[in-house]
C-alpha atoms as a PDB file:
ATOM      1  CA  MET A   1      -2.793  -2.000  26.153  1.00  0.00           C
ATOM      2  CA  LYS A   2      -0.168  -0.939  23.612  1.00  0.00           C
ATOM      3  CA  SER A   3      -0.003   3.120  22.439  1.00  0.00           C
ATOM      4  CA  SER A   4       2.845   4.674  20.565  1.00  0.00           C
ATOM      5  CA  ILE A   5       4.088   7.669  21.955  1.00  0.00           C
ATOM      6  CA  VAL A   6       6.747  10.604  21.443  1.00  0.00           C
ATOM      7  CA  THR A   7       9.293  10.035  24.203  1.00  0.00           C
ATOM      8  CA  GLY A   8      11.868  12.947  23.257  1.00  0.00           C
ATOM      9  CA  PRO A   9      13.228  14.908  20.243  1.00  0.00           C
ATOM     10  CA  GLY A  10      13.522  12.112  17.756  1.00  0.00           C
ATOM     11  CA  THR A  11      12.440   9.495  19.580  1.00  0.00           C
ATOM     12  CA  THR A  12       9.403   7.037  19.697  1.00  0.00           C
ATOM     13  CA  ALA A  13       8.346   4.066  21.717  1.00  0.00           C
ATOM     14  CA  VAL A  14       5.421   1.427  22.114  1.00  0.00           C
ATOM     15  CA  VAL A  15       4.790   1.758  25.574  1.00  0.00           C
ATOM     16  CA  GLU A  16       1.978  -0.386  28.051  1.00  0.00           C
ATOM     17  CA  VAL A  17      -0.702   2.021  29.176  1.00  0.00           C
ATOM     18  CA  ASP A  18      -4.134   1.320  31.030  1.00  0.00           C
ATOM     19  CA  LYS A  19      -6.781   0.747  28.430  1.00  0.00           C
ATOM     20  CA  PRO A  20      -9.650   3.137  28.740  1.00  0.00           C
ATOM     21  CA  LEU A  21     -12.917   2.671  31.151  1.00  0.00           C
ATOM     22  CA  THR A  22     -15.994   3.086  29.341  1.00  0.00           C
ATOM     23  CA  GLY A  23     -18.454   5.795  30.955  1.00  0.00           C
ATOM     24  CA  PRO A  24     -22.197   5.491  30.551  1.00  0.00           C
ATOM     25  CA  ARG A  25     -22.120   8.336  27.648  1.00  0.00           C
ATOM     26  CA  ASP A  26     -18.683   6.797  26.228  1.00  0.00           C
ATOM     27  CA  VAL A  27     -18.025   4.749  23.152  1.00  0.00           C
ATOM     28  CA  LEU A  28     -14.718   2.288  23.014  1.00  0.00           C
ATOM     29  CA  VAL A  29     -13.277   1.587  19.831  1.00  0.00           C
ATOM     30  CA  ARG A  30     -10.505  -0.924  18.812  1.00  0.00           C
ATOM     31  CA  ILE A  31      -8.575   0.852  16.503  1.00  0.00           C
ATOM     32  CA  ARG A  32      -8.318  -0.925  12.873  1.00  0.00           C
ATOM     33  CA  ALA A  33      -6.255   1.499  10.783  1.00  0.00           C
ATOM     34  CA  CYS A  34      -4.299   5.317  11.366  1.00  0.00           C
ATOM     35  CA  GLY A  35      -2.964   7.578   9.405  1.00  0.00           C
ATOM     36  CA  ILE A  36       0.399   8.757   9.524  1.00  0.00           C
ATOM     37  CA  CYS A  37       0.468  12.317   8.949  1.00  0.00           C
ATOM     38  CA  GLY A  38       3.203  15.179   7.953  1.00  0.00           C
ATOM     39  CA  SER A  39       2.793  16.825  11.041  1.00  0.00           C
ATOM     40  CA  ASP A  40       3.421  13.477  13.050  1.00  0.00           C
ATOM     41  CA  ALA A  41       7.154  13.576  11.896  1.00  0.00           C
ATOM     42  CA  LEU A  42       7.240  17.233  13.362  1.00  0.00           C
ATOM     43  CA  TYR A  43       5.774  16.622  16.560  1.00  0.00           C
ATOM     44  CA  ILE A  44       8.555  13.324  16.725  1.00  0.00           C
ATOM     45  CA  ALA A  45      11.186  16.032  15.675  1.00  0.00           C
ATOM     46  CA  ILE A  46      10.483  18.352  18.539  1.00  0.00           C
ATOM     47  CA  GLY A  47       9.539  15.621  21.147  1.00  0.00           C
ATOM     48  CA  GLY A  48       5.923  15.922  21.630  1.00  0.00           C
ATOM     49  CA  LEU A  49       3.595  19.100  22.474  1.00  0.00           C
ATOM     50  CA  PRO A  50       3.012  20.505  25.684  1.00  0.00           C
ATOM     51  CA  PRO A  51       2.058  19.565  28.225  1.00  0.00           C
ATOM     52  CA  ARG A  52       2.761  16.236  27.112  1.00  0.00           C
ATOM     53  CA  ALA A  53       6.265  16.819  25.385  1.00  0.00           C
ATOM     54  CA  GLY A  54       8.236  13.431  26.034  1.00  0.00           C
ATOM     55  CA  HIS A  55       5.365  11.440  26.608  1.00  0.00           C
ATOM     56  CA  MET A  56       3.073  12.140  23.810  1.00  0.00           C
ATOM     57  CA  PRO A  57       0.630   9.799  21.950  1.00  0.00           C
ATOM     58  CA  LEU A  58       0.725   9.731  18.353  1.00  0.00           C
ATOM     59  CA  GLY A  59      -1.485   9.468  15.559  1.00  0.00           C
ATOM     60  CA  HIS A  60      -4.957  11.597  14.554  1.00  0.00           C
ATOM     61  CA  GLU A  61      -6.446   9.784  11.417  1.00  0.00           C
ATOM     62  CA  PRO A  62      -7.955   6.800  13.285  1.00  0.00           C
ATOM     63  CA  ALA A  63     -10.972   4.509  12.370  1.00  0.00           C
ATOM     64  CA  GLY A  64     -12.010   1.331  14.050  1.00  0.00           C
ATOM     65  CA  GLU A  65     -14.629  -1.014  15.274  1.00  0.00           C
ATOM     66  CA  VAL A  66     -16.822  -0.243  18.342  1.00  0.00           C
ATOM     67  CA  VAL A  67     -16.105  -2.952  21.214  1.00  0.00           C
ATOM     68  CA  GLU A  68     -18.032  -1.235  23.972  1.00  0.00           C
ATOM     69  CA  VAL A  69     -21.201   1.102  24.105  1.00  0.00           C
ATOM     70  CA  GLY A  70     -22.127   2.973  27.731  1.00  0.00           C
ATOM     71  CA  GLY A  71     -25.820   2.528  28.356  1.00  0.00           C
ATOM     72  CA  GLU A  72     -26.736   6.195  27.590  1.00  0.00           C
ATOM     73  CA  VAL A  73     -25.088   6.179  23.900  1.00  0.00           C
ATOM     74  CA  ALA A  74     -27.998   6.196  20.978  1.00  0.00           C
ATOM     75  CA  GLY A  75     -27.363   4.915  17.113  1.00  0.00           C
ATOM     76  CA  ILE A  76     -24.428   3.209  18.117  1.00  0.00           C
ATOM     77  CA  ARG A  77     -23.843  -0.923  18.391  1.00  0.00           C
ATOM     78  CA  VAL A  78     -20.897  -2.899  19.440  1.00  0.00           C
ATOM     79  CA  GLY A  79     -19.286  -4.099  15.856  1.00  0.00           C
ATOM     80  CA  ASP A  80     -19.867  -0.850  14.093  1.00  0.00           C
ATOM     81  CA  ARG A  81     -17.206   0.506  12.015  1.00  0.00           C
ATOM     82  CA  VAL A  82     -16.390   4.043  12.619  1.00  0.00           C
ATOM     83  CA  VAL A  83     -14.686   7.195  11.696  1.00  0.00           C
ATOM     84  CA  ILE A  84     -13.701   9.298  14.821  1.00  0.00           C
ATOM     85  CA  ASN A  85     -13.405  13.264  14.645  1.00  0.00           C
ATOM     86  CA  PRO A  86     -10.171  13.842  16.510  1.00  0.00           C
ATOM     87  CA  MET A  87     -10.837  17.862  16.959  1.00  0.00           C
ATOM     88  CA  ALA A  88     -14.203  16.676  18.763  1.00  0.00           C
ATOM     89  CA  ALA A  89     -12.457  15.267  21.837  1.00  0.00           C
ATOM     90  CA  PRO A  90     -13.409  17.446  25.071  1.00  0.00           C
ATOM     91  CA  ASP A  91      -9.812  16.596  26.619  1.00  0.00           C
ATOM     92  CA  GLY A  92      -7.630  17.533  24.096  1.00  0.00           C
ATOM     93  CA  ILE A  93      -7.278  16.855  20.344  1.00  0.00           C
ATOM     94  CA  ILE A  94      -6.520  12.872  19.905  1.00  0.00           C
ATOM     95  CA  GLY A  95      -2.662  12.648  18.629  1.00  0.00           C
ATOM     96  CA  ASN A  96      -1.936  16.298  18.899  1.00  0.00           C
ATOM     97  CA  GLY A  97      -1.154  16.814  22.380  1.00  0.00           C
ATOM     98  CA  GLY A  98      -4.402  15.369  23.766  1.00  0.00           C
ATOM     99  CA  PRO A  99      -3.787  12.369  26.020  1.00  0.00           C
ATOM    100  CA  GLN A 100      -5.102  10.036  23.840  1.00  0.00           C
ATOM    101  CA  GLY A 101      -3.402   8.549  20.259  1.00  0.00           C
ATOM    102  CA  GLY A 102      -4.701   6.870  17.349  1.00  0.00           C
ATOM    103  CA  LEU A 103      -1.950   4.782  17.012  1.00  0.00           C
ATOM    104  CA  SER A 104      -3.051   2.480  20.163  1.00  0.00           C
ATOM    105  CA  GLU A 105      -5.126  -0.512  20.443  1.00  0.00           C
ATOM    106  CA  PHE A 106      -7.904   1.652  21.779  1.00  0.00           C
ATOM    107  CA  LEU A 107      -9.514   4.846  21.778  1.00  0.00           C
ATOM    108  CA  LEU A 108     -12.178   6.231  24.126  1.00  0.00           C
ATOM    109  CA  VAL A 109     -14.825   8.272  22.691  1.00  0.00           C
ATOM    110  CA  THR A 110     -16.116  10.678  25.051  1.00  0.00           C
ATOM    111  CA  ASP A 111     -19.806  11.865  24.971  1.00  0.00           C
ATOM    112  CA  ALA A 112     -20.319  10.072  21.952  1.00  0.00           C
ATOM    113  CA  ARG A 113     -22.650  11.264  19.572  1.00  0.00           C
ATOM    114  CA  ARG A 114     -22.781  10.372  15.945  1.00  0.00           C
ATOM    115  CA  GLY A 115     -21.682  13.099  13.810  1.00  0.00           C
ATOM    116  CA  VAL A 116     -19.813  15.238  16.356  1.00  0.00           C
ATOM    117  CA  GLY A 117     -17.511  13.085  17.642  1.00  0.00           C
ATOM    118  CA  LEU A 118     -17.681   9.774  15.566  1.00  0.00           C
ATOM    119  CA  GLU A 119     -19.830   8.368  12.535  1.00  0.00           C
ATOM    120  CA  VAL A 120     -20.768   5.047  11.599  1.00  0.00           C
ATOM    121  CA  ILE A 121     -19.761   3.893   8.243  1.00  0.00           C
ATOM    122  CA  PRO A 122     -20.891   0.836   5.755  1.00  0.00           C
ATOM    123  CA  ASP A 123     -18.852  -2.596   6.342  1.00  0.00           C
ATOM    124  CA  HIS A 124     -17.725  -2.738   3.127  1.00  0.00           C
ATOM    125  CA  ILE A 125     -15.503   0.309   3.586  1.00  0.00           C
ATOM    126  CA  PRO A 126     -12.055  -0.766   4.254  1.00  0.00           C
ATOM    127  CA  PHE A 127     -10.874   0.796   7.585  1.00  0.00           C
ATOM    128  CA  GLU A 128      -7.334   2.094   5.734  1.00  0.00           C
ATOM    129  CA  VAL A 129      -9.572   4.091   3.346  1.00  0.00           C
ATOM    130  CA  ALA A 130     -12.016   5.213   6.505  1.00  0.00           C
ATOM    131  CA  ALA A 131      -8.767   6.421   8.029  1.00  0.00           C
ATOM    132  CA  LEU A 132      -8.437   8.980   5.516  1.00  0.00           C
ATOM    133  CA  ASN A 133     -11.268  10.846   6.456  1.00  0.00           C
ATOM    134  CA  GLU A 134      -9.139  13.191   8.759  1.00  0.00           C
ATOM    135  CA  PRO A 135      -6.975  14.348   6.115  1.00  0.00           C
ATOM    136  CA  MET A 136      -9.722  14.550   3.543  1.00  0.00           C
ATOM    137  CA  ALA A 137     -11.756  16.782   5.915  1.00  0.00           C
ATOM    138  CA  VAL A 138      -8.123  19.004   5.756  1.00  0.00           C
ATOM    139  CA  ALA A 139      -8.395  19.005   2.062  1.00  0.00           C
ATOM    140  CA  ARG A 140     -11.938  19.750   1.714  1.00  0.00           C
ATOM    141  CA  HIS A 141     -11.650  22.728   4.285  1.00  0.00           C
ATOM    142  CA  ALA A 142      -9.041  24.214   1.980  1.00  0.00           C
ATOM    143  CA  ALA A 143     -11.022  23.799  -0.617  1.00  0.00           C
ATOM    144  CA  ASN A 144     -13.818  25.760   0.673  1.00  0.00           C
ATOM    145  CA  ARG A 145     -11.623  28.617   1.988  1.00  0.00           C
ATOM    146  CA  CYS A 146     -11.078  29.649  -1.529  1.00  0.00           C
ATOM    147  CA  ARG A 147     -15.053  29.969  -1.947  1.00  0.00           C
ATOM    148  CA  PRO A 148     -15.099  28.210  -5.252  1.00  0.00           C
ATOM    149  CA  ARG A 149     -17.657  28.054  -7.966  1.00  0.00           C
ATOM    150  CA  SER A 150     -18.850  25.627 -10.383  1.00  0.00           C
ATOM    151  CA  THR A 151     -17.385  27.816 -12.969  1.00  0.00           C
ATOM    152  CA  ASP A 152     -14.249  28.247 -11.730  1.00  0.00           C
ATOM    153  CA  LYS A 153     -10.538  26.528 -13.156  1.00  0.00           C
ATOM    154  CA  VAL A 154      -8.540  25.347 -10.447  1.00  0.00           C
ATOM    155  CA  LEU A 155      -4.830  24.550 -10.432  1.00  0.00           C
ATOM    156  CA  ILE A 156      -3.865  22.411  -7.488  1.00  0.00           C
ATOM    157  CA  PHE A 157       0.091  22.608  -6.212  1.00  0.00           C
ATOM    158  CA  GLY A 158       1.181  19.024  -5.090  1.00  0.00           C
ATOM    159  CA  ALA A 159      -0.245  15.531  -5.513  1.00  0.00           C
ATOM    160  CA  GLY A 160       0.445  14.161  -2.091  1.00  0.00           C
ATOM    161  CA  PRO A 161      -2.327  13.065   0.119  1.00  0.00           C
ATOM    162  CA  ILE A 162      -3.723  16.512   0.641  1.00  0.00           C
ATOM    163  CA  GLY A 163      -3.269  17.700  -3.046  1.00  0.00           C
ATOM    164  CA  LEU A 164      -5.284  14.441  -4.227  1.00  0.00           C
ATOM    165  CA  GLY A 165      -7.699  15.357  -1.590  1.00  0.00           C
ATOM    166  CA  ALA A 166      -8.024  18.804  -2.723  1.00  0.00           C
ATOM    167  CA  VAL A 167      -9.014  17.310  -6.411  1.00  0.00           C
ATOM    168  CA  LEU A 168     -12.012  15.177  -4.967  1.00  0.00           C
ATOM    169  CA  ALA A 169     -13.325  18.159  -2.440  1.00  0.00           C
ATOM    170  CA  PHE A 170     -13.632  20.001  -5.792  1.00  0.00           C
ATOM    171  CA  LYS A 171     -14.954  17.652  -7.732  1.00  0.00           C
ATOM    172  CA  SER A 172     -17.591  17.266  -5.271  1.00  0.00           C
ATOM    173  CA  ILE A 173     -18.436  20.678  -5.076  1.00  0.00           C
ATOM    174  CA  GLY A 174     -18.721  20.682  -8.921  1.00  0.00           C
ATOM    175  CA  VAL A 175     -16.028  22.697  -9.915  1.00  0.00           C
ATOM    176  CA  HIS A 176     -15.467  23.036 -14.046  1.00  0.00           C
ATOM    177  CA  HIS A 177     -11.834  22.315 -14.819  1.00  0.00           C
ATOM    178  CA  ILE A 178      -9.049  21.143 -11.878  1.00  0.00           C
ATOM    179  CA  VAL A 179      -5.187  21.036 -13.203  1.00  0.00           C
ATOM    180  CA  VAL A 180      -2.928  19.684 -10.483  1.00  0.00           C
ATOM    181  CA  ALA A 181       1.206  20.370 -10.838  1.00  0.00           C
ATOM    182  CA  ASP A 182       4.038  18.130  -9.019  1.00  0.00           C
ATOM    183  CA  ILE A 183       7.307  16.860  -9.824  1.00  0.00           C
ATOM    184  CA  ILE A 184       7.053  13.583  -9.881  1.00  0.00           C
ATOM    185  CA  PRO A 185       5.049  11.683 -12.412  1.00  0.00           C
ATOM    186  CA  SER A 186       3.852   8.786 -10.430  1.00  0.00           C
ATOM    187  CA  ARG A 187       1.948  11.390  -8.474  1.00  0.00           C
ATOM    188  CA  LEU A 188       0.477  13.040 -11.519  1.00  0.00           C
ATOM    189  CA  ASP A 189      -0.808  10.033 -12.581  1.00  0.00           C
ATOM    190  CA  LYS A 190      -2.589   9.140  -9.630  1.00  0.00           C
ATOM    191  CA  ALA A 191      -4.159  12.663  -9.873  1.00  0.00           C
ATOM    192  CA  LEU A 192      -5.619  11.932 -13.243  1.00  0.00           C
ATOM    193  CA  ALA A 193      -6.829   8.882 -11.690  1.00  0.00           C
ATOM    194  CA  VAL A 194      -8.819  10.757  -8.556  1.00  0.00           C
ATOM    195  CA  GLY A 195     -10.352  12.990 -11.089  1.00  0.00           C
ATOM    196  CA  ALA A 196      -8.054  15.748 -12.166  1.00  0.00           C
ATOM    197  CA  ASP A 197      -8.486  17.133 -15.581  1.00  0.00           C
ATOM    198  CA  ALA A 198      -5.149  17.827 -16.608  1.00  0.00           C
ATOM    199  CA  VAL A 199      -1.423  17.537 -15.214  1.00  0.00           C
ATOM    200  CA  ILE A 200       1.528  19.969 -15.352  1.00  0.00           C
ATOM    201  CA  ASP A 201       4.891  17.967 -14.896  1.00  0.00           C
ATOM    202  CA  SER A 202       6.804  21.324 -13.148  1.00  0.00           C
ATOM    203  CA  ASN A 203       9.735  19.824 -13.421  1.00  0.00           C
ATOM    204  CA  THR A 204       9.799  19.695 -17.143  1.00  0.00           C
ATOM    205  CA  GLU A 205       7.242  22.118 -18.136  1.00  0.00           C
ATOM    206  CA  ASN A 206       6.750  26.019 -17.592  1.00  0.00           C
ATOM    207  CA  VAL A 207       3.615  25.963 -15.250  1.00  0.00           C
ATOM    208  CA  ARG A 208       2.287  29.234 -16.838  1.00  0.00           C
ATOM    209  CA  GLU A 209       2.653  28.824 -20.043  1.00  0.00           C
ATOM    210  CA  ARG A 210       1.173  25.050 -20.257  1.00  0.00           C
ATOM    211  CA  LEU A 211      -1.792  26.754 -18.015  1.00  0.00           C
ATOM    212  CA  THR A 212      -2.473  29.608 -20.304  1.00  0.00           C
ATOM    213  CA  ASP A 213      -2.785  26.496 -22.857  1.00  0.00           C
ATOM    214  CA  LEU A 214      -4.940  24.604 -20.498  1.00  0.00           C
ATOM    215  CA  HIS A 215      -7.271  27.654 -19.080  1.00  0.00           C
ATOM    216  CA  GLY A 216      -7.039  30.624 -21.576  1.00  0.00           C
ATOM    217  CA  GLU A 217      -5.463  33.841 -20.707  1.00  0.00           C
ATOM    218  CA  GLY A 218      -7.095  36.116 -18.090  1.00  0.00           C
ATOM    219  CA  GLN A 219      -7.612  39.564 -17.314  1.00  0.00           C
ATOM    220  CA  SER A 220      -4.622  41.154 -16.132  1.00  0.00           C
ATOM    221  CA  MET A 221      -2.427  44.563 -15.657  1.00  0.00           C
ATOM    222  CA  PHE A 222       0.251  43.397 -17.631  1.00  0.00           C
ATOM    223  CA  GLY A 223      -1.279  40.246 -19.669  1.00  0.00           C
ATOM    224  CA  GLY A 224       0.274  37.210 -20.395  1.00  0.00           C
ATOM    225  CA  ARG A 225      -1.419  35.638 -16.840  1.00  0.00           C
ATOM    226  CA  ALA A 226      -3.685  32.448 -16.838  1.00  0.00           C
ATOM    227  CA  ASP A 227      -7.476  32.690 -16.651  1.00  0.00           C
ATOM    228  CA  THR A 228      -7.348  30.261 -13.605  1.00  0.00           C
ATOM    229  CA  ASP A 229      -9.729  31.222 -10.723  1.00  0.00           C
ATOM    230  CA  ILE A 230      -8.083  29.607  -8.115  1.00  0.00           C
ATOM    231  CA  TYR A 231      -4.572  28.627  -6.671  1.00  0.00           C
ATOM    232  CA  LEU A 232      -3.947  25.961  -3.965  1.00  0.00           C
ATOM    233  CA  ASP A 233      -0.704  25.375  -2.256  1.00  0.00           C
ATOM    234  CA  ALA A 234      -0.772  21.813  -1.228  1.00  0.00           C
ATOM    235  CA  ALA A 235       3.432  21.258  -1.760  1.00  0.00           C
ATOM    236  CA  GLY A 236       4.831  23.822   0.810  1.00  0.00           C
ATOM    237  CA  VAL A 237       7.666  25.362  -1.214  1.00  0.00           C
ATOM    238  CA  PRO A 238       8.717  28.686  -2.041  1.00  0.00           C
ATOM    239  CA  ALA A 239       8.530  28.639  -5.735  1.00  0.00           C
ATOM    240  CA  VAL A 240       4.726  27.269  -5.451  1.00  0.00           C
ATOM    241  CA  LEU A 241       3.722  30.932  -4.301  1.00  0.00           C
ATOM    242  CA  ASP A 242       6.298  33.002  -6.564  1.00  0.00           C
ATOM    243  CA  THR A 243       4.501  30.449  -9.266  1.00  0.00           C
ATOM    244  CA  ALA A 244       0.921  31.165  -8.356  1.00  0.00           C
ATOM    245  CA  ILE A 245       1.565  35.253  -7.961  1.00  0.00           C
ATOM    246  CA  ALA A 246       3.334  35.382 -11.182  1.00  0.00           C
ATOM    247  CA  SER A 247       0.535  33.499 -12.901  1.00  0.00           C
ATOM    248  CA  ALA A 248      -2.524  34.859 -11.323  1.00  0.00           C
ATOM    249  CA  LYS A 249      -5.084  36.976 -13.222  1.00  0.00           C
ATOM    250  CA  GLN A 250      -7.057  40.230 -11.811  1.00  0.00           C
ATOM    251  CA  GLY A 251      -9.310  39.056  -8.765  1.00  0.00           C
ATOM    252  CA  ALA A 252      -7.741  35.642  -8.436  1.00  0.00           C
ATOM    253  CA  THR A 253      -7.709  33.583  -5.222  1.00  0.00           C
ATOM    254  CA  ILE A 254      -4.351  31.742  -3.877  1.00  0.00           C
ATOM    255  CA  GLY A 255      -4.881  29.292  -1.155  1.00  0.00           C
ATOM    256  CA  VAL A 256      -2.268  27.944   1.450  1.00  0.00           C
ATOM    257  CA  VAL A 257      -3.012  24.479   2.975  1.00  0.00           C
ATOM    258  CA  ALA A 258       0.525  23.708   2.726  1.00  0.00           C
ATOM    259  CA  VAL A 259       3.140  23.944   6.105  1.00  0.00           C
ATOM    260  CA  HIS A 260       6.134  26.449   5.244  1.00  0.00           C
ATOM    261  CA  LYS A 261       8.855  25.746   7.408  1.00  0.00           C
ATOM    262  CA  GLN A 262      10.755  29.255   6.926  1.00  0.00           C
ATOM    263  CA  PRO A 263       8.753  32.023   6.313  1.00  0.00           C
ATOM    264  CA  VAL A 264       8.216  33.097   2.527  1.00  0.00           C
ATOM    265  CA  PRO A 265       8.909  36.561   0.830  1.00  0.00           C
ATOM    266  CA  VAL A 266       5.699  37.600  -1.309  1.00  0.00           C
ATOM    267  CA  ASP A 267       5.140  40.140  -3.917  1.00  0.00           C
ATOM    268  CA  LEU A 268       3.157  42.499  -2.648  1.00  0.00           C
ATOM    269  CA  VAL A 269       2.999  44.823  -5.559  1.00  0.00           C
ATOM    270  CA  THR A 270       1.105  42.172  -7.737  1.00  0.00           C
ATOM    271  CA  LEU A 271      -1.097  41.261  -5.162  1.00  0.00           C
ATOM    272  CA  MET A 272      -1.951  44.888  -4.455  1.00  0.00           C
ATOM    273  CA  SER A 273      -2.249  45.554  -8.356  1.00  0.00           C
ATOM    274  CA  HIS A 274      -3.826  42.463  -9.655  1.00  0.00           C
ATOM    275  CA  GLU A 275      -5.931  42.142  -6.243  1.00  0.00           C
ATOM    276  CA  ILE A 276      -5.243  38.587  -5.298  1.00  0.00           C
ATOM    277  CA  THR A 277      -6.664  37.308  -2.886  1.00  0.00           C
ATOM    278  CA  VAL A 278      -4.761  34.976  -0.193  1.00  0.00           C
ATOM    279  CA  VAL A 279      -6.456  32.700   2.457  1.00  0.00           C
ATOM    280  CA  GLY A 280      -5.245  30.217   4.626  1.00  0.00           C
ATOM    281  CA  SER A 281      -6.594  27.144   6.281  1.00  0.00           C
ATOM    282  CA  MET A 282      -5.832  25.130   8.981  1.00  0.00           C
ATOM    283  CA  GLY A 283      -8.140  21.992  10.149  1.00  0.00           C
ATOM    284  CA  TYR A 284     -11.633  21.205   9.561  1.00  0.00           C
ATOM    285  CA  PRO A 285     -14.058  23.467  11.699  1.00  0.00           C
ATOM    286  CA  ASP A 286     -17.571  21.959   9.557  1.00  0.00           C
ATOM    287  CA  GLU A 287     -16.169  19.185   7.293  1.00  0.00           C
ATOM    288  CA  PHE A 288     -15.425  16.626   8.642  1.00  0.00           C
ATOM    289  CA  PHE A 289     -18.608  14.334   8.427  1.00  0.00           C
ATOM    290  CA  ALA A 290     -19.378  16.131   5.247  1.00  0.00           C
ATOM    291  CA  VAL A 291     -16.420  14.221   3.920  1.00  0.00           C
ATOM    292  CA  THR A 292     -17.675  10.855   5.299  1.00  0.00           C
ATOM    293  CA  ALA A 293     -20.806  10.746   3.241  1.00  0.00           C
ATOM    294  CA  ASP A 294     -18.523  11.440  -0.097  1.00  0.00           C
ATOM    295  CA  LEU A 295     -15.852   8.790   1.293  1.00  0.00           C
ATOM    296  CA  VAL A 296     -18.178   6.667   1.499  1.00  0.00           C
ATOM    297  CA  ALA A 297     -19.973   7.072  -1.805  1.00  0.00           C
ATOM    298  CA  ASN A 298     -16.707   7.277  -3.630  1.00  0.00           C
ATOM    299  CA  TRP A 299     -14.543   5.303  -1.415  1.00  0.00           C
ATOM    300  CA  ARG A 300     -12.385   3.464  -4.137  1.00  0.00           C
ATOM    301  CA  ARG A 301     -11.238   6.991  -5.704  1.00  0.00           C
ATOM    302  CA  TYR A 302     -10.020   7.473  -2.277  1.00  0.00           C
ATOM    303  CA  ALA A 303      -8.173   4.267  -1.904  1.00  0.00           C
ATOM    304  CA  LEU A 304      -5.982   5.293  -4.503  1.00  0.00           C
ATOM    305  CA  ILE A 305      -4.109   7.797  -2.240  1.00  0.00           C
ATOM    306  CA  VAL A 306      -3.240   5.082   0.182  1.00  0.00           C
ATOM    307  CA  SER A 307       0.562   3.913  -0.598  1.00  0.00           C
ATOM    308  CA  ASP A 308       1.629   2.156   1.905  1.00  0.00           C
ATOM    309  CA  THR A 309      -0.068  -0.124   4.625  1.00  0.00           C
ATOM    310  CA  ILE A 310       1.933  -1.268   7.336  1.00  0.00           C
ATOM    311  CA  PRO A 311       0.936  -3.326  10.324  1.00  0.00           C
ATOM    312  CA  PHE A 312       1.057  -2.095  13.969  1.00  0.00           C
ATOM    313  CA  ALA A 313       4.018  -4.811  14.777  1.00  0.00           C
ATOM    314  CA  GLU A 314       6.297  -2.488  12.630  1.00  0.00           C
ATOM    315  CA  ILE A 315       5.335   0.812  13.640  1.00  0.00           C
ATOM    316  CA  ASP A 316       9.007   1.819  13.852  1.00  0.00           C
ATOM    317  CA  THR A 317       9.118   1.196   9.857  1.00  0.00           C
ATOM    318  CA  ALA A 318       5.604   2.865   9.544  1.00  0.00           C
ATOM    319  CA  LEU A 319       6.791   6.030  11.163  1.00  0.00           C
ATOM    320  CA  ALA A 320      10.601   6.140   9.226  1.00  0.00           C
ATOM    321  CA  LYS A 321       8.672   5.636   5.838  1.00  0.00           C
ATOM    322  CA  ALA A 322       6.184   8.085   6.258  1.00  0.00           C
ATOM    323  CA  GLY A 323       8.887  10.805   7.768  1.00  0.00           C
ATOM    324  CA  THR A 324      11.325  10.208   4.583  1.00  0.00           C
ATOM    325  CA  PRO A 325      10.482  12.392   2.095  1.00  0.00           C
ATOM    326  CA  GLY A 326       9.948  10.800  -1.334  1.00  0.00           C
ATOM    327  CA  ALA A 327       9.634   7.287   0.434  1.00  0.00           C
ATOM    328  CA  ALA A 328       6.102   6.811   0.556  1.00  0.00           C
ATOM    329  CA  ASP A 329       2.692   9.092  -0.169  1.00  0.00           C
ATOM    330  CA  LYS A 330       0.423   8.016   2.331  1.00  0.00           C
ATOM    331  CA  VAL A 331       1.323   5.536   5.090  1.00  0.00           C
ATOM    332  CA  VAL A 332      -1.432   3.803   7.045  1.00  0.00           C
ATOM    333  CA  VAL A 333      -0.919   1.643   9.992  1.00  0.00           C
ATOM    334  CA  THR A 334      -3.381  -1.148  10.170  1.00  0.00           C
ATOM    335  CA  ARG A 335      -4.344  -3.990  12.710  1.00  0.00           C
ATOM    336  CA  ASP A 336      -6.432  -7.209  12.428  1.00  0.00           C
END
């Protein structure tokens, strides 16, 4: 079968590898769609992760169709559409340094159990939407880390896939009011379409002033701060944290799910004096299949996040487009 791998710093190739053999407790899935993540660009840049640097399979956002089922597997049939949890693979995270990648023709789910390594989804869910399950689980975990309440008011920085996923996550939790800030108008339009209550063009508007207009003025030592309860950084630029800390009221929470490539100076005096909580978020320890249910119920809203579907035969184009800032919002590689 064909598989896309990292072959060295800045280089990839589609290579022929052995098709996996299905054991009695395994399920073989023909991959029909796999999203490309920002971390894929990082893996390509550094030549892959040990111990597979120089020959690391790519792709950790897969969805597909079951083609073989081991005799001891329950609740899964040939022809089922499934989403696959890459972190549950016992031999290493799929597409993140493990021996398999989702940008392959087939993927073996070992010790296959529904609700652990994979889950069946209805036939009407498009594969490119199903492939969003993994990044949407990242967004859901980020929202959960902020411990939101229904009465909370939220500002999300960044209307890329994770920021938009966070809108859907906070909405599913029942948060009162969600604002999204970004510098790209088309992304702000999409944020409104998936359910944001308001948006801020941070390229032309003063975020702190606009947020105070939307959420009112909150309690603070020096005044002039918004009554926003949660700030989520899904953008990954230093100005976001500066703005969040300068805007945050007494007792606010700042969540960080974006990857910052350089250390960011932080105003610790303001954090201390306003008792601001800062939380980081990585992965999705418990959220993967909670997202599956919401994605199935609201798939048309999730579908808005996908900006480009590109066939596997054009994988080089897909990787280049996904790795070019501003070229696309969410690229999903598909296979008939």
